[in-house]
């Protein structure tokens, strides 16, 4: 009976365990990396938009100050960035659009407040809040 119980118990434990692929982010100093878009919320009607198989976004932030924004695996903005740190979990991401590859929708210098919370990066653009999870 014990020989049957142990394999069954192991199989149940493996199948019931929760897989968590999220990288733990607790401090704004962990900003460098690859971030996958999870949602955009806010606006006049305070609604949310989520990624789909045909509409997804990513941000790459490099230690050398390079910012790359991709829509559906296509680079639509590449610029230099600096971080104005307020405290351990918040600050302002400043994009230097003068060095950007794509500048149609941005001013010369874009300042976006950011905050780390609940293992997510939140970027605030006026009434909208974009939420990202770190994947690399």
N, C-alpha and C. Protein backbone atom coordinates (compact mmCIF):
# COMPACT_ATOMS: atom_id res chain seq x y z
N UNK A 1 0.81 -1.20 0.00
CA UNK A 1 0.00 0.00 0.00
C UNK A 1 0.85 1.26 0.00
N UNK A 2 1.98 1.24 0.78
CA UNK A 2 2.86 2.40 0.82
C UNK A 2 3.47 2.68 -0.55
N UNK A 3 3.79 1.65 -1.30
CA UNK A 3 4.42 1.85 -2.61
C UNK A 3 3.47 2.53 -3.59
N UNK A 4 2.20 2.36 -3.46
CA UNK A 4 1.21 3.03 -4.30
C UNK A 4 0.98 4.46 -3.81
N UNK A 5 0.93 4.65 -2.51
CA UNK A 5 0.64 5.95 -1.92
C UNK A 5 1.70 7.01 -2.24
N UNK A 6 2.98 6.66 -2.16
CA UNK A 6 4.06 7.63 -2.38
C UNK A 6 4.03 8.19 -3.82
N UNK A 7 4.00 7.35 -4.87
CA UNK A 7 3.96 7.91 -6.23
C UNK A 7 2.69 8.74 -6.48
N UNK A 8 1.57 8.31 -5.98
CA UNK A 8 0.32 9.07 -6.15
C UNK A 8 0.44 10.42 -5.45
N UNK A 9 0.98 10.45 -4.24
CA UNK A 9 1.16 11.68 -3.48
C UNK A 9 2.09 12.65 -4.24
N UNK A 10 3.18 12.15 -4.79
CA UNK A 10 4.14 12.98 -5.53
C UNK A 10 3.47 13.57 -6.78
N UNK A 11 2.72 12.77 -7.50
CA UNK A 11 2.03 13.25 -8.70
C UNK A 11 1.02 14.33 -8.35
N UNK A 12 0.28 14.15 -7.28
CA UNK A 12 -0.70 15.15 -6.85
C UNK A 12 -0.01 16.45 -6.47
N UNK A 13 1.08 16.38 -5.74
CA UNK A 13 1.81 17.58 -5.31
C UNK A 13 2.37 18.35 -6.50
N UNK A 14 2.92 17.65 -7.47
CA UNK A 14 3.46 18.31 -8.66
C UNK A 14 2.36 18.97 -9.46
N UNK A 15 1.24 18.29 -9.65
CA UNK A 15 0.16 18.85 -10.46
C UNK A 15 -0.55 20.00 -9.76
N UNK A 16 -0.50 20.07 -8.44
CA UNK A 16 -1.17 21.14 -7.71
C UNK A 16 -0.27 22.34 -7.42
N UNK A 17 1.02 22.21 -7.64
CA UNK A 17 1.90 23.33 -7.33
C UNK A 17 1.71 24.44 -8.35
N UNK A 18 1.77 25.69 -7.87
CA UNK A 18 1.58 26.85 -8.73
C UNK A 18 2.90 27.23 -9.37
N UNK A 19 2.91 27.42 -10.67
CA UNK A 19 4.11 27.85 -11.36
C UNK A 19 4.13 29.37 -11.39
N UNK A 20 5.23 29.96 -10.95
CA UNK A 20 5.35 31.41 -10.92
C UNK A 20 6.61 31.81 -11.68
N UNK A 21 6.44 32.27 -12.92
CA UNK A 21 7.57 32.65 -13.75
C UNK A 21 7.95 34.12 -13.57
N UNK A 22 7.18 34.89 -12.80
CA UNK A 22 7.48 36.30 -12.61
C UNK A 22 8.80 36.47 -11.87
N UNK A 23 9.56 37.45 -12.29
CA UNK A 23 10.79 37.82 -11.60
C UNK A 23 10.40 38.80 -10.51
N UNK A 24 10.88 38.56 -9.30
CA UNK A 24 10.52 39.43 -8.18
C UNK A 24 11.19 40.79 -8.34
N UNK A 25 10.39 41.84 -8.30
CA UNK A 25 10.88 43.22 -8.41
C UNK A 25 10.32 43.99 -7.22
N UNK A 26 11.22 44.49 -6.38
CA UNK A 26 10.78 45.20 -5.18
C UNK A 26 11.36 46.59 -5.07
N UNK A 27 12.27 46.95 -6.00
CA UNK A 27 12.97 48.21 -5.89
C UNK A 27 13.18 48.81 -7.27
N UNK A 28 13.13 50.11 -7.36
CA UNK A 28 13.29 50.80 -8.64
C UNK A 28 14.69 50.59 -9.23
N UNK A 29 15.65 50.19 -8.39
CA UNK A 29 16.99 49.89 -8.88
C UNK A 29 17.01 48.65 -9.76
N UNK A 30 15.93 47.88 -9.78
CA UNK A 30 15.80 46.68 -10.61
C UNK A 30 15.11 46.98 -11.95
N UNK A 31 15.15 48.23 -12.36
CA UNK A 31 14.45 48.67 -13.57
C UNK A 31 15.03 48.07 -14.85
N UNK A 32 16.34 47.88 -14.90
CA UNK A 32 16.98 47.36 -16.11
C UNK A 32 16.46 45.95 -16.39
N UNK A 33 16.07 45.71 -17.65
CA UNK A 33 15.58 44.40 -18.05
C UNK A 33 14.52 44.49 -19.13
N UNK A 34 13.86 43.38 -19.37
CA UNK A 34 12.81 43.26 -20.38
C UNK A 34 11.46 43.17 -19.66
N UNK A 35 10.53 44.04 -20.05
CA UNK A 35 9.23 44.14 -19.39
C UNK A 35 8.11 43.87 -20.39
N UNK A 36 7.17 43.02 -20.01
CA UNK A 36 6.02 42.67 -20.86
C UNK A 36 4.78 43.42 -20.37
N UNK A 37 4.07 44.04 -21.28
CA UNK A 37 2.86 44.80 -20.97
C UNK A 37 1.76 43.87 -20.49
N UNK A 38 1.10 44.27 -19.39
CA UNK A 38 -0.02 43.49 -18.84
C UNK A 38 -1.35 44.20 -18.95
N UNK A 39 -1.35 45.54 -18.86
CA UNK A 39 -2.62 46.27 -18.98
C UNK A 39 -2.36 47.77 -19.06
N UNK A 40 -3.36 48.47 -19.59
CA UNK A 40 -3.42 49.92 -19.53
C UNK A 40 -4.80 50.26 -19.00
N UNK A 41 -4.83 51.04 -17.92
CA UNK A 41 -6.10 51.39 -17.28
C UNK A 41 -6.20 52.90 -17.09
N UNK A 42 -7.44 53.37 -17.04
CA UNK A 42 -7.69 54.79 -16.79
C UNK A 42 -8.50 55.41 -17.90
N UNK A 43 -8.28 56.69 -18.12
CA UNK A 43 -9.00 57.43 -19.14
C UNK A 43 -10.32 57.96 -18.63
N UNK A 44 -11.10 58.53 -19.51
CA UNK A 44 -12.37 59.15 -19.15
C UNK A 44 -13.35 58.17 -18.54
N UNK A 45 -13.43 56.95 -19.09
CA UNK A 45 -14.39 55.97 -18.57
C UNK A 45 -13.73 54.97 -17.62
N UNK A 46 -12.45 55.19 -17.30
CA UNK A 46 -11.72 54.35 -16.35
C UNK A 46 -11.84 52.86 -16.69
N UNK A 47 -11.47 52.52 -17.92
CA UNK A 47 -11.52 51.12 -18.35
C UNK A 47 -10.10 50.61 -18.54
N UNK A 48 -9.98 49.31 -18.80
CA UNK A 48 -8.67 48.69 -18.98
C UNK A 48 -8.57 47.99 -20.32
N UNK A 49 -7.37 47.96 -20.87
CA UNK A 49 -7.06 47.25 -22.10
C UNK A 49 -5.96 46.24 -21.78
N UNK A 50 -6.06 45.06 -22.37
CA UNK A 50 -5.11 43.99 -22.08
C UNK A 50 -4.50 43.47 -23.37
N UNK A 51 -3.31 42.85 -23.29
CA UNK A 51 -2.70 42.30 -24.50
C UNK A 51 -3.48 41.10 -25.05
N UNK A 52 -3.26 40.84 -26.31
CA UNK A 52 -3.85 39.67 -26.97
C UNK A 52 -2.77 39.03 -27.83
N UNK A 53 -3.12 38.00 -28.55
CA UNK A 53 -2.16 37.35 -29.43
C UNK A 53 -1.73 38.27 -30.57
N UNK A 54 -2.59 39.23 -30.94
CA UNK A 54 -2.29 40.12 -32.04
C UNK A 54 -1.89 41.52 -31.60
N UNK A 55 -1.98 41.84 -30.32
CA UNK A 55 -1.62 43.17 -29.82
C UNK A 55 -0.87 43.01 -28.50
N UNK A 56 0.46 43.16 -28.54
CA UNK A 56 1.26 43.03 -27.33
C UNK A 56 2.43 44.01 -27.38
N UNK A 57 2.91 44.40 -26.21
CA UNK A 57 3.97 45.39 -26.09
C UNK A 57 5.06 44.88 -25.16
N UNK A 58 6.27 45.39 -25.39
CA UNK A 58 7.40 45.12 -24.50
C UNK A 58 8.26 46.36 -24.42
N UNK A 59 8.93 46.52 -23.28
CA UNK A 59 9.91 47.59 -23.08
C UNK A 59 11.22 46.93 -22.66
N UNK A 60 12.31 47.37 -23.27
CA UNK A 60 13.64 46.96 -22.86
C UNK A 60 14.35 48.18 -22.29
N UNK A 61 14.86 48.05 -21.08
CA UNK A 61 15.64 49.11 -20.44
C UNK A 61 17.03 48.56 -20.16
N UNK A 62 18.04 49.21 -20.72
CA UNK A 62 19.41 48.74 -20.60
C UNK A 62 20.20 49.60 -19.61
N UNK A 63 21.23 49.00 -19.02
CA UNK A 63 22.07 49.69 -18.04
C UNK A 63 22.81 50.88 -18.66
N UNK A 64 23.02 50.86 -19.98
CA UNK A 64 23.71 51.97 -20.64
C UNK A 64 22.78 53.14 -20.97
N UNK A 65 21.53 53.09 -20.48
CA UNK A 65 20.59 54.19 -20.69
C UNK A 65 19.80 54.11 -21.98
N UNK A 66 19.72 52.96 -22.58
CA UNK A 66 18.96 52.75 -23.81
C UNK A 66 17.57 52.23 -23.49
N UNK A 67 16.54 52.85 -24.11
CA UNK A 67 15.13 52.48 -23.94
C UNK A 67 14.61 52.03 -25.30
N UNK A 68 14.01 50.84 -25.34
CA UNK A 68 13.41 50.34 -26.58
C UNK A 68 11.98 49.91 -26.30
N UNK A 69 11.04 50.45 -27.06
CA UNK A 69 9.62 50.11 -26.94
C UNK A 69 9.23 49.35 -28.20
N UNK A 70 8.66 48.14 -28.01
CA UNK A 70 8.26 47.30 -29.15
C UNK A 70 6.76 47.04 -29.10
N UNK A 71 6.12 47.14 -30.24
CA UNK A 71 4.73 46.75 -30.41
C UNK A 71 4.70 45.58 -31.37
N UNK A 72 4.15 44.45 -30.92
CA UNK A 72 4.09 43.25 -31.75
C UNK A 72 5.46 42.89 -32.33
N UNK A 73 6.49 42.93 -31.49
CA UNK A 73 7.88 42.61 -31.84
C UNK A 73 8.50 43.58 -32.85
N UNK A 74 7.89 44.73 -33.07
CA UNK A 74 8.42 45.75 -33.97
C UNK A 74 8.85 46.96 -33.13
N UNK A 75 10.10 47.40 -33.28
CA UNK A 75 10.57 48.57 -32.53
C UNK A 75 9.88 49.82 -33.06
N UNK A 76 9.14 50.50 -32.16
CA UNK A 76 8.51 51.74 -32.58
C UNK A 76 9.08 52.96 -31.86
N UNK A 77 9.96 52.73 -30.88
CA UNK A 77 10.66 53.84 -30.24
C UNK A 77 11.95 53.33 -29.62
N UNK A 78 13.04 54.00 -29.97
CA UNK A 78 14.32 53.72 -29.35
C UNK A 78 14.92 55.06 -28.97
N UNK A 79 15.23 55.22 -27.67
CA UNK A 79 15.74 56.51 -27.19
C UNK A 79 16.65 56.29 -25.99
N UNK A 80 17.38 57.34 -25.63
CA UNK A 80 18.15 57.32 -24.39
C UNK A 80 17.20 57.66 -23.25
N UNK A 81 17.49 57.12 -22.06
CA UNK A 81 16.67 57.44 -20.90
C UNK A 81 17.54 57.71 -19.68
N UNK A 82 16.98 58.47 -18.76
CA UNK A 82 17.56 58.64 -17.44
C UNK A 82 16.45 58.39 -16.43
N UNK A 83 16.84 58.09 -15.22
CA UNK A 83 15.88 57.84 -14.16
C UNK A 83 16.09 58.88 -13.07
N UNK A 84 15.04 59.62 -12.77
CA UNK A 84 15.05 60.55 -11.64
C UNK A 84 14.37 59.83 -10.49
N UNK A 85 15.17 59.30 -9.59
CA UNK A 85 14.66 58.47 -8.50
C UNK A 85 14.10 59.34 -7.38
N UNK A 86 12.87 59.06 -6.96
CA UNK A 86 12.24 59.74 -5.84
C UNK A 86 12.53 59.00 -4.54
N UNK A 87 12.31 57.69 -4.55
CA UNK A 87 12.59 56.82 -3.41
C UNK A 87 12.82 55.41 -3.95
N UNK A 88 12.76 54.40 -3.10
CA UNK A 88 13.04 53.03 -3.53
C UNK A 88 12.02 52.45 -4.49
N UNK A 89 10.81 53.00 -4.53
CA UNK A 89 9.78 52.41 -5.39
C UNK A 89 9.20 53.37 -6.43
N UNK A 90 9.64 54.63 -6.45
CA UNK A 90 9.06 55.56 -7.42
C UNK A 90 10.10 56.54 -7.95
N UNK A 91 9.75 57.12 -9.10
CA UNK A 91 10.62 58.09 -9.74
C UNK A 91 10.01 58.54 -11.05
N UNK A 92 10.85 59.11 -11.90
CA UNK A 92 10.41 59.57 -13.21
C UNK A 92 11.36 59.03 -14.26
N UNK A 93 10.79 58.41 -15.28
CA UNK A 93 11.55 57.93 -16.42
C UNK A 93 11.57 59.06 -17.44
N UNK A 94 12.76 59.54 -17.77
CA UNK A 94 12.90 60.66 -18.70
C UNK A 94 13.49 60.13 -20.00
N UNK A 95 12.72 60.23 -21.08
CA UNK A 95 13.19 59.79 -22.40
C UNK A 95 13.72 60.99 -23.16
N UNK A 96 14.93 60.87 -23.69
CA UNK A 96 15.52 61.91 -24.52
C UNK A 96 15.15 61.60 -25.96
N UNK A 97 14.10 62.25 -26.42
CA UNK A 97 13.54 61.95 -27.74
C UNK A 97 14.43 62.48 -28.87
N UNK A 98 15.33 63.42 -28.58
CA UNK A 98 16.26 63.91 -29.60
C UNK A 98 17.09 62.78 -30.20
N UNK A 99 17.33 61.74 -29.41
CA UNK A 99 18.14 60.62 -29.89
C UNK A 99 17.27 59.48 -30.41
N UNK A 100 15.97 59.69 -30.47
CA UNK A 100 15.04 58.61 -30.80
C UNK A 100 15.05 58.27 -32.28
N UNK A 101 14.77 57.01 -32.56
CA UNK A 101 14.59 56.54 -33.94
C UNK A 101 13.21 56.97 -34.44
N UNK A 102 12.21 56.88 -33.59
CA UNK A 102 10.82 57.14 -33.98
C UNK A 102 10.26 58.20 -33.05
N UNK A 103 9.84 59.33 -33.59
CA UNK A 103 9.46 60.45 -32.72
C UNK A 103 8.08 61.04 -33.02
N UNK A 104 7.30 60.41 -33.82
CA UNK A 104 6.03 60.99 -34.27
C UNK A 104 5.09 61.38 -33.13
N UNK A 105 5.00 60.58 -32.07
CA UNK A 105 4.01 60.82 -31.03
C UNK A 105 4.57 61.40 -29.75
N UNK A 106 5.85 61.77 -29.74
CA UNK A 106 6.48 62.21 -28.51
C UNK A 106 7.04 63.62 -28.64
N UNK A 107 7.10 64.32 -27.50
CA UNK A 107 7.77 65.61 -27.48
C UNK A 107 9.27 65.37 -27.38
N UNK A 108 10.08 66.44 -27.34
CA UNK A 108 11.54 66.28 -27.32
C UNK A 108 12.03 65.56 -26.07
N UNK A 109 11.35 65.77 -24.97
CA UNK A 109 11.71 65.05 -23.75
C UNK A 109 10.43 64.60 -23.08
N UNK A 110 10.29 63.32 -22.97
CA UNK A 110 9.08 62.73 -22.38
C UNK A 110 9.38 62.33 -20.95
N UNK A 111 8.60 62.86 -20.00
CA UNK A 111 8.77 62.51 -18.59
C UNK A 111 7.56 61.70 -18.15
N UNK A 112 7.83 60.48 -17.66
CA UNK A 112 6.74 59.60 -17.25
C UNK A 112 6.99 59.14 -15.82
N UNK A 113 6.10 59.49 -14.88
CA UNK A 113 6.25 58.96 -13.52
C UNK A 113 6.12 57.45 -13.53
N UNK A 114 6.93 56.79 -12.70
CA UNK A 114 6.89 55.33 -12.61
C UNK A 114 6.85 54.92 -11.15
N UNK A 115 6.37 53.70 -10.92
CA UNK A 115 6.31 53.16 -9.57
C UNK A 115 6.40 51.63 -9.63
N UNK A 116 7.15 51.06 -8.70
CA UNK A 116 7.23 49.61 -8.55
C UNK A 116 6.26 49.21 -7.45
N UNK A 117 5.36 48.29 -7.74
CA UNK A 117 4.40 47.84 -6.73
C UNK A 117 3.80 46.51 -7.13
N UNK A 118 3.61 45.65 -6.17
CA UNK A 118 3.03 44.33 -6.40
C UNK A 118 3.76 43.58 -7.51
N UNK A 119 5.09 43.72 -7.50
CA UNK A 119 5.95 43.03 -8.45
C UNK A 119 5.72 43.49 -9.89
N UNK A 120 5.28 44.71 -10.06
CA UNK A 120 4.99 45.27 -11.38
C UNK A 120 5.64 46.64 -11.53
N UNK A 121 5.88 47.03 -12.78
CA UNK A 121 6.30 48.39 -13.12
C UNK A 121 5.08 49.11 -13.65
N UNK A 122 4.73 50.22 -13.03
CA UNK A 122 3.62 51.04 -13.49
C UNK A 122 4.17 52.34 -14.05
N UNK A 123 3.78 52.64 -15.28
CA UNK A 123 4.19 53.87 -15.96
C UNK A 123 2.94 54.71 -16.15
N UNK A 124 2.98 55.96 -15.70
CA UNK A 124 1.82 56.83 -15.75
C UNK A 124 1.98 57.83 -16.89
N UNK A 125 0.97 57.84 -17.76
CA UNK A 125 0.94 58.76 -18.90
C UNK A 125 -0.36 59.55 -18.82
N UNK A 126 -0.32 60.66 -18.10
CA UNK A 126 -1.54 61.45 -17.90
C UNK A 126 -2.55 60.65 -17.09
N UNK A 127 -3.74 60.45 -17.65
CA UNK A 127 -4.80 59.70 -16.97
C UNK A 127 -4.66 58.19 -17.12
N UNK A 128 -3.68 57.74 -17.90
CA UNK A 128 -3.50 56.31 -18.14
C UNK A 128 -2.35 55.74 -17.33
N UNK A 129 -2.50 54.48 -16.93
CA UNK A 129 -1.47 53.76 -16.20
C UNK A 129 -1.19 52.46 -16.92
N UNK A 130 0.07 52.28 -17.36
CA UNK A 130 0.49 51.05 -18.02
C UNK A 130 1.18 50.17 -16.99
N UNK A 131 0.81 48.90 -16.95
CA UNK A 131 1.38 47.95 -16.01
C UNK A 131 2.20 46.91 -16.79
N UNK A 132 3.44 46.66 -16.31
CA UNK A 132 4.35 45.71 -16.95
C UNK A 132 4.88 44.72 -15.93
N UNK A 133 5.18 43.51 -16.38
CA UNK A 133 5.82 42.50 -15.54
C UNK A 133 7.18 42.21 -16.15
N UNK A 134 8.19 42.04 -15.29
CA UNK A 134 9.55 41.79 -15.77
C UNK A 134 9.69 40.33 -16.17
N UNK A 135 10.22 40.11 -17.39
CA UNK A 135 10.38 38.74 -17.87
C UNK A 135 11.86 38.36 -18.05
N UNK A 136 12.75 39.32 -18.03
CA UNK A 136 14.20 39.04 -18.11
C UNK A 136 14.94 40.09 -17.33
